[in-house]
Amino acid sequence: MYRCPEGELREKATKETVANISLLEEAFGTAFDGSKGNPFFGGECIGYLDIALGARSVWFQVVEAMNGVKLIDPHTAPLLHAWLLRFSSADCVKKSLPHFHKVLSRGYQVQREYPLLTYP
């Protein structure tokens, strides 16, 4: 999304991203029993899928900041939003995730270096 030029292409990318996040919300609520109180995709503990998705959590925040849109919203994706807060607050995760402002700086750098990227 953040690499799309403003306008129609970015709007299309945003809609598709939000739709994909809705699929994650549904999966967390059904296949992974997130609606039944399991705090993580792996159950009671952080597992492989939590790490695979959670490693990108800072990029979610960066894309939100760069585009002025909320992707993982507590109203539209409450289970995923709560999961993200739990995952991000785990001590082992806090020590490992890159700093938001460094990633944000990199996002703007990519936009400057590759301004003509288009969305498929």
N, C-alpha and C. Protein backbone atom coordinates (compact mmCIF):
# COMPACT_ATOMS: atom_id res chain seq x y z
N MET A 1 0.81 -1.20 0.00
CA MET A 1 0.00 0.00 0.00
C MET A 1 0.85 1.25 0.00
N TYR A 2 1.85 1.30 0.83
CA TYR A 2 2.62 2.52 0.97
C TYR A 2 3.46 2.81 -0.26
N ARG A 3 3.65 1.82 -1.12
CA ARG A 3 4.43 2.04 -2.33
C ARG A 3 3.56 2.41 -3.52
N CYS A 4 2.27 2.44 -3.33
CA CYS A 4 1.36 2.82 -4.40
C CYS A 4 1.25 4.33 -4.48
N PRO A 5 1.14 4.85 -5.70
CA PRO A 5 0.88 6.29 -5.81
C PRO A 5 -0.50 6.60 -5.24
N GLU A 6 -0.65 7.82 -4.80
CA GLU A 6 -1.94 8.20 -4.24
C GLU A 6 -3.01 8.12 -5.32
N GLY A 7 -4.23 7.93 -4.87
CA GLY A 7 -5.35 7.89 -5.81
C GLY A 7 -5.97 6.51 -5.87
N GLU A 8 -6.44 6.17 -7.08
CA GLU A 8 -7.18 4.93 -7.28
C GLU A 8 -6.41 3.68 -6.91
N LEU A 9 -5.14 3.62 -7.29
CA LEU A 9 -4.35 2.42 -7.00
C LEU A 9 -4.17 2.22 -5.51
N ARG A 10 -3.91 3.29 -4.78
CA ARG A 10 -3.75 3.17 -3.34
C ARG A 10 -5.07 2.78 -2.68
N GLU A 11 -6.15 3.34 -3.19
CA GLU A 11 -7.47 3.00 -2.65
C GLU A 11 -7.77 1.52 -2.86
N LYS A 12 -7.44 1.01 -4.05
CA LYS A 12 -7.65 -0.41 -4.34
C LYS A 12 -6.79 -1.27 -3.42
N ALA A 13 -5.53 -0.90 -3.25
CA ALA A 13 -4.63 -1.66 -2.38
C ALA A 13 -5.12 -1.64 -0.94
N THR A 14 -5.62 -0.51 -0.50
CA THR A 14 -6.15 -0.39 0.87
C THR A 14 -7.34 -1.31 1.06
N LYS A 15 -8.27 -1.30 0.12
CA LYS A 15 -9.45 -2.17 0.22
C LYS A 15 -9.06 -3.64 0.26
N GLU A 16 -8.11 -4.04 -0.58
CA GLU A 16 -7.67 -5.43 -0.59
C GLU A 16 -6.96 -5.81 0.70
N THR A 17 -6.18 -4.89 1.24
CA THR A 17 -5.48 -5.15 2.50
C THR A 17 -6.49 -5.31 3.64
N VAL A 18 -7.47 -4.44 3.70
CA VAL A 18 -8.50 -4.52 4.74
C VAL A 18 -9.29 -5.83 4.60
N ALA A 19 -9.58 -6.24 3.36
CA ALA A 19 -10.28 -7.52 3.13
C ALA A 19 -9.43 -8.69 3.62
N ASN A 20 -8.14 -8.64 3.37
CA ASN A 20 -7.25 -9.72 3.84
C ASN A 20 -7.16 -9.75 5.36
N ILE A 21 -7.16 -8.59 5.98
CA ILE A 21 -7.14 -8.54 7.44
C ILE A 21 -8.44 -9.11 8.00
N SER A 22 -9.55 -8.90 7.31
CA SER A 22 -10.82 -9.49 7.73
C SER A 22 -10.74 -11.01 7.70
N LEU A 23 -10.03 -11.56 6.72
CA LEU A 23 -9.84 -13.01 6.65
C LEU A 23 -9.02 -13.50 7.84
N LEU A 24 -7.98 -12.75 8.21
CA LEU A 24 -7.19 -13.11 9.39
C LEU A 24 -8.04 -13.06 10.65
N GLU A 25 -8.89 -12.05 10.75
CA GLU A 25 -9.78 -11.92 11.90
C GLU A 25 -10.69 -13.14 12.00
N GLU A 26 -11.24 -13.54 10.87
CA GLU A 26 -12.12 -14.71 10.85
C GLU A 26 -11.36 -15.98 11.23
N ALA A 27 -10.15 -16.13 10.70
CA ALA A 27 -9.35 -17.32 11.02
C ALA A 27 -9.00 -17.36 12.50
N PHE A 28 -8.65 -16.22 13.06
CA PHE A 28 -8.30 -16.18 14.47
C PHE A 28 -9.51 -16.54 15.33
N GLY A 29 -10.68 -16.11 14.91
CA GLY A 29 -11.89 -16.38 15.68
C GLY A 29 -12.41 -17.79 15.56
N THR A 30 -12.08 -18.49 14.47
CA THR A 30 -12.62 -19.83 14.27
C THR A 30 -11.53 -20.89 14.36
N ALA A 31 -10.66 -20.93 13.39
CA ALA A 31 -9.66 -22.00 13.32
C ALA A 31 -8.71 -22.00 14.50
N PHE A 32 -8.44 -20.83 15.06
CA PHE A 32 -7.47 -20.76 16.15
C PHE A 32 -8.10 -20.46 17.50
N ASP A 33 -9.43 -20.50 17.56
CA ASP A 33 -10.18 -20.33 18.81
C ASP A 33 -9.88 -19.02 19.53
N GLY A 34 -9.54 -17.97 18.80
CA GLY A 34 -9.29 -16.68 19.43
C GLY A 34 -10.52 -16.15 20.15
N SER A 35 -11.70 -16.48 19.64
CA SER A 35 -12.92 -16.00 20.28
C SER A 35 -13.21 -16.77 21.57
N LYS A 36 -12.51 -17.87 21.80
CA LYS A 36 -12.75 -18.68 23.00
C LYS A 36 -11.71 -18.41 24.08
N GLY A 37 -10.97 -17.36 23.91
CA GLY A 37 -10.05 -16.96 24.96
C GLY A 37 -8.59 -17.32 24.77
N ASN A 38 -8.25 -18.05 23.69
CA ASN A 38 -6.84 -18.33 23.46
C ASN A 38 -6.15 -17.03 23.09
N PRO A 39 -5.09 -16.67 23.78
CA PRO A 39 -4.47 -15.37 23.54
C PRO A 39 -3.63 -15.29 22.27
N PHE A 40 -3.20 -16.43 21.74
CA PHE A 40 -2.32 -16.42 20.57
C PHE A 40 -2.79 -17.45 19.55
N PHE A 41 -2.30 -17.33 18.33
CA PHE A 41 -2.63 -18.31 17.30
C PHE A 41 -2.17 -19.69 17.76
N GLY A 42 -1.07 -19.75 18.49
CA GLY A 42 -0.55 -21.01 18.98
C GLY A 42 -1.23 -21.52 20.23
N GLY A 43 -2.25 -20.81 20.72
CA GLY A 43 -2.95 -21.22 21.94
C GLY A 43 -2.58 -20.33 23.10
N GLU A 44 -2.07 -20.94 24.17
CA GLU A 44 -1.71 -20.18 25.37
C GLU A 44 -0.36 -19.48 25.25
N CYS A 45 0.49 -19.96 24.35
CA CYS A 45 1.84 -19.41 24.20
C CYS A 45 2.04 -18.89 22.78
N ILE A 46 2.98 -17.99 22.63
CA ILE A 46 3.34 -17.50 21.30
C ILE A 46 3.91 -18.65 20.51
N GLY A 47 3.38 -18.85 19.31
CA GLY A 47 3.83 -19.94 18.45
C GLY A 47 4.37 -19.42 17.12
N TYR A 48 4.62 -20.35 16.22
CA TYR A 48 5.22 -20.02 14.93
C TYR A 48 4.39 -19.01 14.14
N LEU A 49 3.10 -19.21 14.04
CA LEU A 49 2.25 -18.31 13.27
C LEU A 49 2.20 -16.92 13.92
N ASP A 50 2.21 -16.87 15.23
CA ASP A 50 2.27 -15.58 15.94
C ASP A 50 3.53 -14.83 15.55
N ILE A 51 4.64 -15.52 15.52
CA ILE A 51 5.92 -14.89 15.18
C ILE A 51 5.93 -14.46 13.72
N ALA A 52 5.43 -15.33 12.83
CA ALA A 52 5.42 -15.00 11.40
C ALA A 52 4.59 -13.76 11.12
N LEU A 53 3.43 -13.66 11.72
CA LEU A 53 2.58 -12.49 11.51
C LEU A 53 3.04 -11.31 12.36
N GLY A 54 3.40 -11.59 13.59
CA GLY A 54 3.78 -10.52 14.50
C GLY A 54 5.05 -9.80 14.12
N ALA A 55 5.94 -10.49 13.40
CA ALA A 55 7.18 -9.85 12.96
C ALA A 55 6.89 -8.67 12.04
N ARG A 56 5.73 -8.66 11.45
CA ARG A 56 5.35 -7.58 10.54
C ARG A 56 4.48 -6.52 11.23
N SER A 57 4.29 -6.67 12.51
CA SER A 57 3.38 -5.77 13.22
C SER A 57 3.82 -4.31 13.15
N VAL A 58 5.11 -4.05 13.19
CA VAL A 58 5.59 -2.67 13.09
C VAL A 58 5.29 -2.12 11.70
N TRP A 59 5.40 -2.97 10.68
CA TRP A 59 5.08 -2.52 9.33
C TRP A 59 3.59 -2.18 9.20
N PHE A 60 2.72 -2.92 9.89
CA PHE A 60 1.30 -2.55 9.89
C PHE A 60 1.14 -1.13 10.42
N GLN A 61 1.81 -0.84 11.52
CA GLN A 61 1.72 0.49 12.12
C GLN A 61 2.30 1.56 11.19
N VAL A 62 3.39 1.25 10.51
CA VAL A 62 4.01 2.19 9.58
C VAL A 62 3.08 2.47 8.40
N VAL A 63 2.51 1.44 7.84
CA VAL A 63 1.58 1.63 6.71
C VAL A 63 0.38 2.46 7.15
N GLU A 64 -0.11 2.20 8.35
CA GLU A 64 -1.21 2.99 8.89
C GLU A 64 -0.81 4.46 8.99
N ALA A 65 0.36 4.72 9.51
CA ALA A 65 0.83 6.10 9.69
C ALA A 65 1.06 6.79 8.34
N MET A 66 1.61 6.08 7.39
CA MET A 66 1.92 6.68 6.10
C MET A 66 0.68 6.94 5.26
N ASN A 67 -0.37 6.16 5.49
CA ASN A 67 -1.56 6.28 4.65
C ASN A 67 -2.75 6.89 5.37
N GLY A 68 -2.62 7.13 6.67
CA GLY A 68 -3.72 7.72 7.42
C GLY A 68 -4.94 6.82 7.49
N VAL A 69 -4.69 5.51 7.55
CA VAL A 69 -5.79 4.56 7.61
C VAL A 69 -5.49 3.56 8.73
N LYS A 70 -6.53 3.09 9.39
CA LYS A 70 -6.36 2.10 10.45
C LYS A 70 -6.66 0.73 9.85
N LEU A 71 -5.64 -0.12 9.80
CA LEU A 71 -5.80 -1.45 9.20
C LEU A 71 -6.32 -2.47 10.20
N ILE A 72 -5.72 -2.49 11.38
CA ILE A 72 -6.15 -3.43 12.41
C ILE A 72 -6.88 -2.62 13.46
N ASP A 73 -8.15 -2.42 13.19
CA ASP A 73 -9.00 -1.55 13.99
C ASP A 73 -9.71 -2.35 15.08
N PRO A 74 -9.82 -1.81 16.29
CA PRO A 74 -10.50 -2.56 17.35
C PRO A 74 -11.98 -2.79 17.09
N HIS A 75 -12.58 -2.02 16.18
CA HIS A 75 -14.00 -2.19 15.88
C HIS A 75 -14.24 -3.20 14.76
N THR A 76 -13.35 -3.21 13.75
CA THR A 76 -13.56 -4.10 12.62
C THR A 76 -12.80 -5.43 12.76
N ALA A 77 -11.75 -5.43 13.56
CA ALA A 77 -10.98 -6.66 13.79
C ALA A 77 -10.61 -6.75 15.27
N PRO A 78 -11.62 -6.88 16.13
CA PRO A 78 -11.35 -6.84 17.58
C PRO A 78 -10.44 -7.96 18.09
N LEU A 79 -10.59 -9.16 17.55
CA LEU A 79 -9.75 -10.27 18.02
C LEU A 79 -8.30 -10.07 17.59
N LEU A 80 -8.11 -9.67 16.35
CA LEU A 80 -6.77 -9.45 15.82
C LEU A 80 -6.11 -8.26 16.51
N HIS A 81 -6.88 -7.23 16.77
CA HIS A 81 -6.36 -6.05 17.47
C HIS A 81 -5.90 -6.43 18.87
N ALA A 82 -6.72 -7.18 19.59
CA ALA A 82 -6.36 -7.62 20.94
C ALA A 82 -5.13 -8.53 20.90
N TRP A 83 -5.08 -9.42 19.89
CA TRP A 83 -3.91 -10.29 19.73
C TRP A 83 -2.65 -9.46 19.52
N LEU A 84 -2.74 -8.45 18.66
CA LEU A 84 -1.58 -7.61 18.37
C LEU A 84 -1.08 -6.90 19.62
N LEU A 85 -2.00 -6.42 20.44
CA LEU A 85 -1.60 -5.77 21.70
C LEU A 85 -0.92 -6.77 22.63
N ARG A 86 -1.48 -7.99 22.75
CA ARG A 86 -0.87 -9.01 23.61
C ARG A 86 0.52 -9.40 23.09
N PHE A 87 0.58 -9.64 21.79
CA PHE A 87 1.84 -10.06 21.19
C PHE A 87 2.90 -8.98 21.36
N SER A 88 2.57 -7.76 21.05
CA SER A 88 3.52 -6.65 21.11
C SER A 88 3.98 -6.33 22.52
N SER A 89 3.18 -6.70 23.52
CA SER A 89 3.54 -6.38 24.89
C SER A 89 4.35 -7.48 25.57
N ALA A 90 4.52 -8.62 24.90
CA ALA A 90 5.35 -9.69 25.46
C ALA A 90 6.81 -9.23 25.53
N ASP A 91 7.47 -9.46 26.64
CA ASP A 91 8.84 -8.99 26.82
C ASP A 91 9.78 -9.44 25.72
N CYS A 92 9.69 -10.72 25.34
CA CYS A 92 10.59 -11.24 24.31
C CYS A 92 10.35 -10.55 22.96
N VAL A 93 9.12 -10.14 22.71
CA VAL A 93 8.79 -9.47 21.46
C VAL A 93 9.27 -8.02 21.50
N LYS A 94 9.04 -7.34 22.60
CA LYS A 94 9.46 -5.94 22.73
C LYS A 94 10.96 -5.79 22.50
N LYS A 95 11.73 -6.79 22.92
CA LYS A 95 13.18 -6.74 22.75
C LYS A 95 13.60 -7.00 21.31
N SER A 96 12.72 -7.63 20.53
CA SER A 96 13.10 -8.09 19.20
C SER A 96 12.59 -7.23 18.06
N LEU A 97 11.46 -6.57 18.23
CA LEU A 97 10.88 -5.80 17.13
C LEU A 97 11.69 -4.54 16.86
N PRO A 98 11.77 -4.16 15.59
CA PRO A 98 12.47 -2.92 15.25
C PRO A 98 11.69 -1.71 15.76
N HIS A 99 12.40 -0.63 15.99
CA HIS A 99 11.79 0.59 16.49
C HIS A 99 10.91 1.21 15.40
N PHE A 100 9.72 1.64 15.78
CA PHE A 100 8.74 2.19 14.85
C PHE A 100 9.32 3.30 13.98
N HIS A 101 10.01 4.26 14.58
CA HIS A 101 10.50 5.41 13.81
C HIS A 101 11.58 5.02 12.80
N LYS A 102 12.36 3.99 13.09
CA LYS A 102 13.34 3.51 12.11
C LYS A 102 12.64 2.89 10.91
N VAL A 103 11.61 2.11 11.17
CA VAL A 103 10.87 1.47 10.09
C VAL A 103 10.09 2.52 9.30
N LEU A 104 9.52 3.49 9.98
CA LEU A 104 8.81 4.57 9.30
C LEU A 104 9.76 5.33 8.38
N SER A 105 10.94 5.62 8.85
CA SER A 105 11.94 6.30 8.04
C SER A 105 12.27 5.48 6.79
N ARG A 106 12.40 4.17 6.96
CA ARG A 106 12.68 3.28 5.83
C ARG A 106 11.51 3.27 4.84
N GLY A 107 10.30 3.29 5.36
CA GLY A 107 9.12 3.34 4.48
C GLY A 107 9.12 4.59 3.60
N TYR A 108 9.42 5.73 4.19
CA TYR A 108 9.48 6.97 3.41
C TYR A 108 10.66 6.94 2.43
N GLN A 109 11.74 6.31 2.83
CA GLN A 109 12.90 6.19 1.94
C GLN A 109 12.53 5.36 0.71
N VAL A 110 11.83 4.27 0.92
CA VAL A 110 11.40 3.42 -0.20
C VAL A 110 10.47 4.21 -1.12
N GLN A 111 9.56 4.99 -0.53
CA GLN A 111 8.66 5.81 -1.36
C GLN A 111 9.45 6.79 -2.22
N ARG A 112 10.48 7.40 -1.66
CA ARG A 112 11.28 8.37 -2.41
C ARG A 112 12.10 7.69 -3.50
N GLU A 113 12.69 6.54 -3.18
CA GLU A 113 13.57 5.86 -4.12
C GLU A 113 12.83 5.17 -5.26
N TYR A 114 11.61 4.75 -5.00
CA TYR A 114 10.84 4.02 -6.00
C TYR A 114 9.46 4.66 -6.16
N PRO A 115 9.40 5.89 -6.63
CA PRO A 115 8.11 6.61 -6.66
C PRO A 115 7.14 6.09 -7.70
N LEU A 116 7.59 5.36 -8.67
CA LEU A 116 6.70 4.95 -9.76
C LEU A 116 6.22 3.51 -9.65
N LEU A 117 6.37 2.90 -8.49
CA LEU A 117 5.86 1.54 -8.34
C LEU A 117 4.35 1.55 -8.51
N THR A 118 3.85 0.56 -9.19
CA THR A 118 2.41 0.47 -9.40
C THR A 118 1.89 -0.79 -8.75
N TYR A 119 0.63 -0.79 -8.53
CA TYR A 119 -0.03 -1.92 -7.88
C TYR A 119 -0.59 -2.83 -8.95
N PRO A 120 -0.38 -4.14 -8.81
CA PRO A 120 -0.87 -5.06 -9.86
C PRO A 120 -2.38 -5.08 -9.99
